[in-house]
Amino acid sequence: VQLQASGGGLVQPGGSLTLSCTVSGIAVNVKTMNWWRDPPGKVRELVATLGSSGLTIYADSVRGRFTVSRDNFKNTLTLEMTNLKPEDTAKYFCNYQDDWGQGTLVTVSS
């Protein structure tokens, strides 16, 4: 399984970004996939989970602002992030079981 996250960058507080995870080796629509993040100086945090049934689970810190989805045709996992806050600054990773992508850096700063 290979996972590659992209779409990170520098954004001002209140702004939006969409992260994408390109997946190969498995079909995203039949697996439970996750987005995690590594905030600077803090432990890794589970941000969002998308189950094969479509069930979504979000961390309290992002619920209502982030949306996880998938594109079955492109076999990608997406994380739409709105109303970004400085505390959302982190390296974001997509994950399936023990497989991790390299991550993409999101910096929220004015």
N, C-alpha and C. Protein backbone atom coordinates (compact mmCIF):
# COMPACT_ATOMS: atom_id res chain seq x y z
N VAL A 1 0.85 -1.19 0.00
CA VAL A 1 0.00 0.00 0.00
C VAL A 1 0.89 1.24 0.00
N GLN A 2 0.55 2.19 -0.87
CA GLN A 2 1.28 3.46 -0.90
C GLN A 2 0.29 4.61 -0.74
N LEU A 3 0.68 5.56 0.08
CA LEU A 3 -0.16 6.72 0.36
C LEU A 3 0.69 7.97 0.20
N GLN A 4 0.16 8.97 -0.48
CA GLN A 4 0.90 10.21 -0.66
C GLN A 4 -0.05 11.38 -0.46
N ALA A 5 0.22 12.13 0.61
CA ALA A 5 -0.60 13.31 0.91
C ALA A 5 -0.03 14.53 0.21
N SER A 6 -0.91 15.42 -0.18
CA SER A 6 -0.51 16.66 -0.83
C SER A 6 -1.54 17.73 -0.52
N GLY A 7 -1.20 18.98 -0.87
CA GLY A 7 -2.16 20.07 -0.72
C GLY A 7 -1.88 21.00 0.44
N GLY A 8 -0.85 20.71 1.23
CA GLY A 8 -0.53 21.58 2.34
C GLY A 8 0.05 22.90 1.88
N GLY A 9 0.21 23.82 2.83
CA GLY A 9 0.77 25.12 2.51
C GLY A 9 0.56 26.09 3.64
N LEU A 10 0.82 27.35 3.34
CA LEU A 10 0.65 28.43 4.31
C LEU A 10 -0.69 29.11 4.07
N VAL A 11 -1.47 29.26 5.13
CA VAL A 11 -2.78 29.88 5.00
C VAL A 11 -3.02 30.77 6.21
N GLN A 12 -3.76 31.82 6.00
CA GLN A 12 -4.07 32.73 7.11
C GLN A 12 -5.18 32.15 7.98
N PRO A 13 -5.22 32.54 9.24
CA PRO A 13 -6.34 32.09 10.10
C PRO A 13 -7.68 32.44 9.47
N GLY A 14 -8.59 31.49 9.56
CA GLY A 14 -9.89 31.67 8.92
C GLY A 14 -9.95 31.16 7.50
N GLY A 15 -8.81 30.83 6.95
CA GLY A 15 -8.75 30.35 5.58
C GLY A 15 -9.07 28.88 5.44
N SER A 16 -8.96 28.39 4.22
CA SER A 16 -9.30 27.00 3.90
C SER A 16 -8.20 26.34 3.10
N LEU A 17 -8.10 25.04 3.24
CA LEU A 17 -7.22 24.21 2.43
C LEU A 17 -7.88 22.86 2.22
N THR A 18 -7.55 22.24 1.12
CA THR A 18 -8.01 20.87 0.89
C THR A 18 -6.80 19.98 0.68
N LEU A 19 -6.70 18.96 1.50
CA LEU A 19 -5.63 17.98 1.38
C LEU A 19 -6.14 16.77 0.61
N SER A 20 -5.24 16.18 -0.14
CA SER A 20 -5.58 14.99 -0.91
C SER A 20 -4.57 13.89 -0.62
N CYS A 21 -5.05 12.67 -0.56
CA CYS A 21 -4.18 11.52 -0.36
C CYS A 21 -4.39 10.56 -1.53
N THR A 22 -3.36 10.39 -2.30
CA THR A 22 -3.41 9.44 -3.41
C THR A 22 -3.06 8.06 -2.89
N VAL A 23 -3.91 7.10 -3.18
CA VAL A 23 -3.77 5.76 -2.60
C VAL A 23 -3.57 4.74 -3.71
N SER A 24 -2.63 3.84 -3.51
CA SER A 24 -2.45 2.71 -4.43
C SER A 24 -2.27 1.44 -3.62
N GLY A 25 -2.74 0.35 -4.17
CA GLY A 25 -2.61 -0.94 -3.50
C GLY A 25 -3.86 -1.41 -2.82
N ILE A 26 -4.77 -0.51 -2.51
CA ILE A 26 -6.06 -0.84 -1.95
C ILE A 26 -7.10 0.10 -2.55
N ALA A 27 -8.36 -0.30 -2.43
CA ALA A 27 -9.45 0.56 -2.89
C ALA A 27 -9.99 1.34 -1.70
N VAL A 28 -10.01 2.65 -1.81
CA VAL A 28 -10.40 3.47 -0.66
C VAL A 28 -11.85 3.24 -0.26
N ASN A 29 -12.67 2.78 -1.18
CA ASN A 29 -14.09 2.67 -0.85
C ASN A 29 -14.42 1.41 -0.04
N VAL A 30 -13.46 0.51 0.15
CA VAL A 30 -13.75 -0.69 0.93
C VAL A 30 -12.92 -0.78 2.19
N LYS A 31 -12.21 0.30 2.51
CA LYS A 31 -11.33 0.31 3.67
C LYS A 31 -11.62 1.51 4.55
N THR A 32 -11.27 1.37 5.81
CA THR A 32 -11.34 2.50 6.73
C THR A 32 -10.02 3.27 6.64
N MET A 33 -10.14 4.54 6.33
CA MET A 33 -8.96 5.38 6.13
C MET A 33 -8.98 6.51 7.15
N ASN A 34 -7.80 7.01 7.48
CA ASN A 34 -7.67 8.03 8.50
C ASN A 34 -6.79 9.18 8.05
N TRP A 35 -7.05 10.34 8.63
CA TRP A 35 -6.13 11.48 8.57
C TRP A 35 -5.62 11.72 10.00
N TRP A 36 -4.32 11.87 10.12
CA TRP A 36 -3.67 12.20 11.39
C TRP A 36 -2.87 13.48 11.20
N ARG A 37 -2.45 14.05 12.31
CA ARG A 37 -1.55 15.20 12.22
C ARG A 37 -0.55 15.20 13.37
N ASP A 38 0.61 15.77 13.09
CA ASP A 38 1.67 15.95 14.07
C ASP A 38 1.85 17.44 14.31
N PRO A 39 1.21 17.99 15.34
CA PRO A 39 1.44 19.40 15.66
C PRO A 39 2.84 19.56 16.24
N PRO A 40 3.48 20.68 16.04
CA PRO A 40 4.84 20.87 16.56
C PRO A 40 4.86 20.75 18.08
N GLY A 41 5.71 19.88 18.59
CA GLY A 41 5.86 19.72 20.03
C GLY A 41 4.76 18.94 20.72
N LYS A 42 3.86 18.36 19.95
CA LYS A 42 2.74 17.63 20.56
C LYS A 42 2.68 16.21 19.98
N VAL A 43 1.83 15.38 20.61
CA VAL A 43 1.70 14.01 20.14
C VAL A 43 0.82 13.96 18.89
N ARG A 44 1.01 12.90 18.14
CA ARG A 44 0.21 12.70 16.94
C ARG A 44 -1.26 12.58 17.32
N GLU A 45 -2.10 13.20 16.51
CA GLU A 45 -3.53 13.28 16.79
C GLU A 45 -4.33 12.71 15.63
N LEU A 46 -5.31 11.86 15.94
CA LEU A 46 -6.22 11.37 14.92
C LEU A 46 -7.22 12.47 14.61
N VAL A 47 -7.27 12.90 13.37
CA VAL A 47 -8.09 14.03 12.97
C VAL A 47 -9.45 13.57 12.46
N ALA A 48 -9.44 12.59 11.57
CA ALA A 48 -10.70 12.16 10.95
C ALA A 48 -10.57 10.72 10.46
N THR A 49 -11.69 10.03 10.51
CA THR A 49 -11.77 8.65 10.01
C THR A 49 -12.95 8.53 9.08
N LEU A 50 -12.74 7.83 7.98
CA LEU A 50 -13.82 7.55 7.03
C LEU A 50 -13.91 6.05 6.86
N GLY A 51 -15.03 5.48 7.31
CA GLY A 51 -15.22 4.05 7.20
C GLY A 51 -15.73 3.63 5.84
N SER A 52 -15.64 2.34 5.58
CA SER A 52 -16.10 1.82 4.29
C SER A 52 -17.60 2.03 4.11
N SER A 53 -18.33 2.13 5.22
CA SER A 53 -19.78 2.37 5.15
C SER A 53 -20.12 3.82 4.91
N GLY A 54 -19.12 4.67 5.00
CA GLY A 54 -19.35 6.11 4.89
C GLY A 54 -19.40 6.81 6.22
N LEU A 55 -19.31 6.03 7.30
CA LEU A 55 -19.31 6.63 8.63
C LEU A 55 -18.08 7.51 8.80
N THR A 56 -18.28 8.70 9.36
CA THR A 56 -17.17 9.61 9.60
C THR A 56 -17.06 9.90 11.10
N ILE A 57 -15.83 10.03 11.54
CA ILE A 57 -15.54 10.38 12.93
C ILE A 57 -14.50 11.48 12.92
N TYR A 58 -14.71 12.48 13.76
CA TYR A 58 -13.80 13.62 13.80
C TYR A 58 -13.31 13.88 15.22
N ALA A 59 -12.11 14.40 15.32
CA ALA A 59 -11.63 14.89 16.61
C ALA A 59 -12.49 16.08 17.01
N ASP A 60 -12.67 16.25 18.32
CA ASP A 60 -13.48 17.38 18.80
C ASP A 60 -12.93 18.71 18.30
N SER A 61 -11.63 18.78 18.17
CA SER A 61 -10.97 20.04 17.81
C SER A 61 -11.25 20.47 16.37
N VAL A 62 -11.72 19.54 15.53
CA VAL A 62 -11.93 19.89 14.12
C VAL A 62 -13.37 19.69 13.67
N ARG A 63 -14.18 19.08 14.50
CA ARG A 63 -15.56 18.79 14.10
C ARG A 63 -16.29 20.08 13.74
N GLY A 64 -16.97 20.04 12.60
CA GLY A 64 -17.68 21.22 12.12
C GLY A 64 -16.84 22.10 11.21
N ARG A 65 -15.55 21.86 11.19
CA ARG A 65 -14.66 22.65 10.32
C ARG A 65 -14.00 21.80 9.24
N PHE A 66 -13.76 20.54 9.54
CA PHE A 66 -13.10 19.63 8.59
C PHE A 66 -14.10 18.61 8.07
N THR A 67 -13.90 18.21 6.81
CA THR A 67 -14.74 17.18 6.21
C THR A 67 -13.86 16.18 5.48
N VAL A 68 -14.02 14.91 5.81
CA VAL A 68 -13.27 13.85 5.14
C VAL A 68 -14.19 13.19 4.11
N SER A 69 -13.61 12.89 2.95
CA SER A 69 -14.39 12.25 1.89
C SER A 69 -13.45 11.44 1.02
N ARG A 70 -14.03 10.74 0.06
CA ARG A 70 -13.19 9.95 -0.85
C ARG A 70 -13.74 10.06 -2.26
N ASP A 71 -12.85 9.85 -3.21
CA ASP A 71 -13.22 9.80 -4.62
C ASP A 71 -12.89 8.39 -5.08
N ASN A 72 -13.92 7.58 -5.25
CA ASN A 72 -13.70 6.17 -5.60
C ASN A 72 -13.08 6.02 -6.98
N PHE A 73 -13.41 6.93 -7.88
CA PHE A 73 -12.87 6.83 -9.24
C PHE A 73 -11.38 7.14 -9.25
N LYS A 74 -11.00 8.20 -8.53
CA LYS A 74 -9.59 8.58 -8.49
C LYS A 74 -8.81 7.81 -7.42
N ASN A 75 -9.55 7.08 -6.56
CA ASN A 75 -8.96 6.35 -5.44
C ASN A 75 -8.16 7.28 -4.53
N THR A 76 -8.79 8.36 -4.15
CA THR A 76 -8.15 9.33 -3.27
C THR A 76 -9.00 9.59 -2.04
N LEU A 77 -8.34 10.02 -0.99
CA LEU A 77 -8.97 10.44 0.25
C LEU A 77 -8.73 11.94 0.38
N THR A 78 -9.75 12.67 0.77
CA THR A 78 -9.65 14.13 0.82
C THR A 78 -10.00 14.64 2.21
N LEU A 79 -9.33 15.72 2.61
CA LEU A 79 -9.68 16.39 3.86
C LEU A 79 -9.86 17.87 3.55
N GLU A 80 -11.11 18.31 3.59
CA GLU A 80 -11.40 19.72 3.39
C GLU A 80 -11.36 20.41 4.74
N MET A 81 -10.56 21.46 4.83
CA MET A 81 -10.35 22.15 6.09
C MET A 81 -10.80 23.61 5.93
N THR A 82 -11.69 24.05 6.76
CA THR A 82 -12.18 25.43 6.72
C THR A 82 -11.98 26.09 8.07
N ASN A 83 -12.11 27.41 8.07
CA ASN A 83 -11.95 28.18 9.31
C ASN A 83 -10.71 27.72 10.08
N LEU A 84 -9.61 27.67 9.38
CA LEU A 84 -8.38 27.16 9.98
C LEU A 84 -7.87 28.08 11.08
N LYS A 85 -7.27 27.45 12.09
CA LYS A 85 -6.76 28.16 13.24
C LYS A 85 -5.26 27.89 13.38
N PRO A 86 -4.54 28.75 14.04
CA PRO A 86 -3.10 28.50 14.23
C PRO A 86 -2.81 27.15 14.85
N GLU A 87 -3.69 26.67 15.71
CA GLU A 87 -3.47 25.37 16.34
C GLU A 87 -3.69 24.19 15.39
N ASP A 88 -4.15 24.47 14.18
CA ASP A 88 -4.23 23.42 13.16
C ASP A 88 -2.90 23.21 12.45
N THR A 89 -1.93 24.05 12.75
CA THR A 89 -0.61 23.91 12.16
C THR A 89 -0.02 22.55 12.53
N ALA A 90 0.35 21.78 11.51
CA ALA A 90 0.84 20.43 11.74
C ALA A 90 1.23 19.81 10.41
N LYS A 91 1.91 18.68 10.50
CA LYS A 91 2.11 17.85 9.32
C LYS A 91 0.98 16.83 9.31
N TYR A 92 0.29 16.73 8.19
CA TYR A 92 -0.88 15.89 8.06
C TYR A 92 -0.53 14.64 7.26
N PHE A 93 -1.03 13.51 7.76
CA PHE A 93 -0.74 12.22 7.15
C PHE A 93 -2.05 11.48 6.89
N CYS A 94 -2.09 10.75 5.78
CA CYS A 94 -3.16 9.79 5.59
C CYS A 94 -2.62 8.41 5.97
N ASN A 95 -3.53 7.57 6.41
CA ASN A 95 -3.11 6.30 7.01
C ASN A 95 -4.13 5.21 6.75
N TYR A 96 -3.61 4.03 6.50
CA TYR A 96 -4.43 2.82 6.45
C TYR A 96 -3.70 1.75 7.23
N GLN A 97 -4.26 1.32 8.32
CA GLN A 97 -3.68 0.32 9.22
C GLN A 97 -2.24 0.72 9.54
N ASP A 98 -1.25 -0.05 9.13
CA ASP A 98 0.14 0.27 9.48
C ASP A 98 0.87 1.04 8.39
N ASP A 99 0.15 1.44 7.37
CA ASP A 99 0.76 2.15 6.24
C ASP A 99 0.52 3.66 6.36
N TRP A 100 1.59 4.41 6.14
CA TRP A 100 1.55 5.87 6.27
C TRP A 100 2.18 6.52 5.05
N GLY A 101 1.63 7.64 4.67
CA GLY A 101 2.24 8.46 3.64
C GLY A 101 3.29 9.37 4.26
N GLN A 102 3.97 10.16 3.43
CA GLN A 102 5.03 11.05 3.92
C GLN A 102 4.48 12.30 4.59
N GLY A 103 3.25 12.63 4.35
CA GLY A 103 2.67 13.78 5.00
C GLY A 103 2.83 15.06 4.21
N THR A 104 1.98 16.03 4.58
CA THR A 104 2.04 17.34 3.96
C THR A 104 1.88 18.39 5.05
N LEU A 105 2.67 19.45 4.98
CA LEU A 105 2.72 20.44 6.04
C LEU A 105 1.68 21.53 5.84
N VAL A 106 0.93 21.79 6.89
CA VAL A 106 -0.05 22.88 6.91
C VAL A 106 0.39 23.89 7.97
N THR A 107 0.54 25.12 7.55
CA THR A 107 0.91 26.19 8.48
C THR A 107 -0.17 27.26 8.44
N VAL A 108 -0.73 27.53 9.60
CA VAL A 108 -1.78 28.56 9.70
C VAL A 108 -1.20 29.73 10.48
N SER A 109 -0.98 30.82 9.78
CA SER A 109 -0.34 31.97 10.40
C SER A 109 -0.65 33.22 9.62
N SER A 110 -0.71 34.33 10.33
CA SER A 110 -0.91 35.61 9.67
C SER A 110 0.43 36.28 9.41
